[in-house]
Amino acid sequence: MVGAVVAATAGLGIVPAEAGTDTAAGCWTFGNTTSFGTYGGQVCGSSHIMGWAKDTKADGYCVFLRAHYPTGGYNDGPWACPMNVTKNWDWWAPQGISSVSIEKVYAP
C-alpha cells in the first residue's frame, strides 16, 4: 500500500458529538456507520484508544480510525481493506485525544 493518497472524507463521524460517556471509568465510547465503513470503540483517560474499523464497500479504498488531538495533530490506526476486513487498534496517545473519526484512503 505504498504511495497511497488520502481521499475525501465524506461521511466522517467525529466523536464527542455521538459519544457515550462513562465518567466513573473516565472513558467515552464511539461508533457509527458511514457509506463506506463502520467503526467503534472506547477512549479511556483521554489517551488510550481501543477501537476497530471495518471496510464495507468494494470501492478500492481502505478505511481507518484517526485520533485527533486538542492541539490539531492526529494519529492513524491500521487500514482495513478490502471489503469486509476489520482492523483493531489498541493504542496510547502521546497527548490527549479530543475526537475520533473514520476516514478513507485510496489503496492502489
Protein backbone atom coordinates (compact mmCIF):
# COMPACT_ATOMS: atom_id res chain seq x y z
CA MET A 1 0.00 0.00 0.00
CA VAL A 2 2.93 2.29 -0.64
CA GLY A 3 2.08 5.58 -2.31
CA ALA A 4 -1.47 5.76 -1.03
CA VAL A 5 -3.24 9.07 -1.35
CA VAL A 6 -5.61 10.36 1.31
CA ALA A 7 -9.07 10.57 -0.22
CA ALA A 8 -12.08 12.72 0.51
CA THR A 9 -13.53 12.04 3.93
CA ALA A 10 -17.22 12.47 3.26
CA GLY A 11 -19.35 10.82 5.89
CA LEU A 12 -16.99 11.47 8.80
CA GLY A 13 -18.32 10.69 12.22
CA ILE A 14 -16.48 12.96 14.65
CA VAL A 15 -16.95 11.50 18.02
CA PRO A 16 -17.68 13.57 21.08
CA ALA A 17 -20.98 14.59 19.47
CA GLU A 18 -22.01 10.93 19.15
CA ALA A 19 -20.11 9.61 22.14
CA GLY A 20 -21.49 7.96 25.20
CA THR A 21 -19.67 8.82 28.42
CA ASP A 22 -18.73 6.60 31.32
CA THR A 23 -17.41 9.15 33.80
CA ALA A 24 -16.83 6.57 36.53
CA ALA A 25 -14.20 4.84 34.41
CA GLY A 26 -13.04 8.06 32.72
CA CYS A 27 -13.97 6.63 29.31
CA TRP A 28 -16.12 7.66 26.35
CA THR A 29 -17.40 5.33 23.68
CA PHE A 30 -17.74 5.98 19.98
CA GLY A 31 -19.19 4.26 16.96
CA ASN A 32 -21.01 4.93 13.73
CA THR A 33 -21.69 3.58 10.26
CA THR A 34 -20.91 5.54 7.11
CA SER A 35 -21.49 4.78 3.45
CA PHE A 36 -18.03 3.17 3.24
CA GLY A 37 -17.39 1.60 6.63
CA THR A 38 -18.35 1.03 10.22
CA TYR A 39 -16.36 1.63 13.40
CA GLY A 40 -16.50 1.74 17.16
CA GLY A 41 -14.52 1.63 20.35
CA GLN A 42 -13.64 3.44 23.53
CA VAL A 43 -11.21 6.16 24.65
CA CYS A 44 -10.12 5.99 28.30
CA GLY A 45 -8.26 8.57 30.31
CA SER A 46 -8.22 10.81 27.21
CA SER A 47 -5.15 8.98 25.92
CA HIS A 48 -5.91 5.24 25.43
CA ILE A 49 -7.95 4.21 22.39
CA MET A 50 -9.34 0.71 21.88
CA GLY A 51 -11.31 0.53 18.67
CA TRP A 52 -11.93 -1.10 15.31
CA ALA A 53 -12.74 -0.12 11.73
CA LYS A 54 -14.36 -2.28 9.04
CA ASP A 55 -14.38 -1.66 5.29
CA THR A 56 -17.92 -2.24 4.00
CA LYS A 57 -17.65 -1.05 0.40
CA ALA A 58 -15.82 -2.63 -2.58
CA ASP A 59 -14.53 0.68 -3.93
CA GLY A 60 -10.71 0.33 -3.94
CA TYR A 61 -10.40 2.35 -0.72
CA CYS A 62 -9.36 1.34 2.79
CA VAL A 63 -10.88 2.75 5.98
CA PHE A 64 -9.10 3.61 9.21
CA LEU A 65 -9.62 5.35 12.53
CA ARG A 66 -8.00 8.75 13.05
CA ALA A 67 -7.50 10.07 16.58
CA HIS A 68 -7.48 13.87 16.74
CA TYR A 69 -5.55 15.84 19.40
CA PRO A 70 -6.67 19.10 21.00
CA THR A 71 -3.53 20.73 19.54
CA GLY A 72 -4.61 19.96 15.97
CA GLY A 73 -2.44 16.90 15.36
CA TYR A 74 -3.64 13.36 14.72
CA ASN A 75 -2.57 9.72 14.52
CA ASP A 76 -3.96 6.99 12.26
CA GLY A 77 -4.79 3.38 13.04
CA PRO A 78 -4.23 0.40 10.72
CA TRP A 79 -6.01 0.32 7.37
CA ALA A 80 -8.95 -2.05 6.93
CA CYS A 81 -9.34 -3.32 3.36
CA PRO A 82 -10.55 -4.84 1.12
CA MET A 83 -14.29 -5.09 1.77
CA ASN A 84 -15.33 -6.98 4.94
CA VAL A 85 -11.88 -6.72 6.57
CA THR A 86 -11.84 -5.41 10.16
CA LYS A 87 -8.76 -3.94 11.87
CA ASN A 88 -8.42 -3.40 15.62
CA TRP A 89 -6.50 -0.57 17.27
CA ASP A 90 -5.24 -0.57 20.86
CA TRP A 91 -3.02 2.46 21.28
CA TRP A 92 -1.77 5.05 23.79
CA ALA A 93 -1.63 8.66 22.61
CA PRO A 94 1.35 10.88 23.43
CA GLN A 95 -1.22 13.58 24.29
CA GLY A 96 -4.97 13.77 24.94
CA ILE A 97 -7.49 12.64 22.32
CA SER A 98 -10.25 15.13 21.50
CA SER A 99 -12.20 13.07 18.93
CA VAL A 100 -12.08 10.01 16.66
CA SER A 101 -13.23 9.75 13.05
CA ILE A 102 -13.31 7.18 10.28
CA GLU A 103 -11.62 8.13 7.02
CA LYS A 104 -10.87 6.62 3.61
CA VAL A 105 -7.54 6.13 1.85
CA TYR A 106 -7.08 5.08 -1.77
CA ALA A 107 -5.23 1.77 -1.93
CA PRO A 108 -3.88 1.24 -5.46
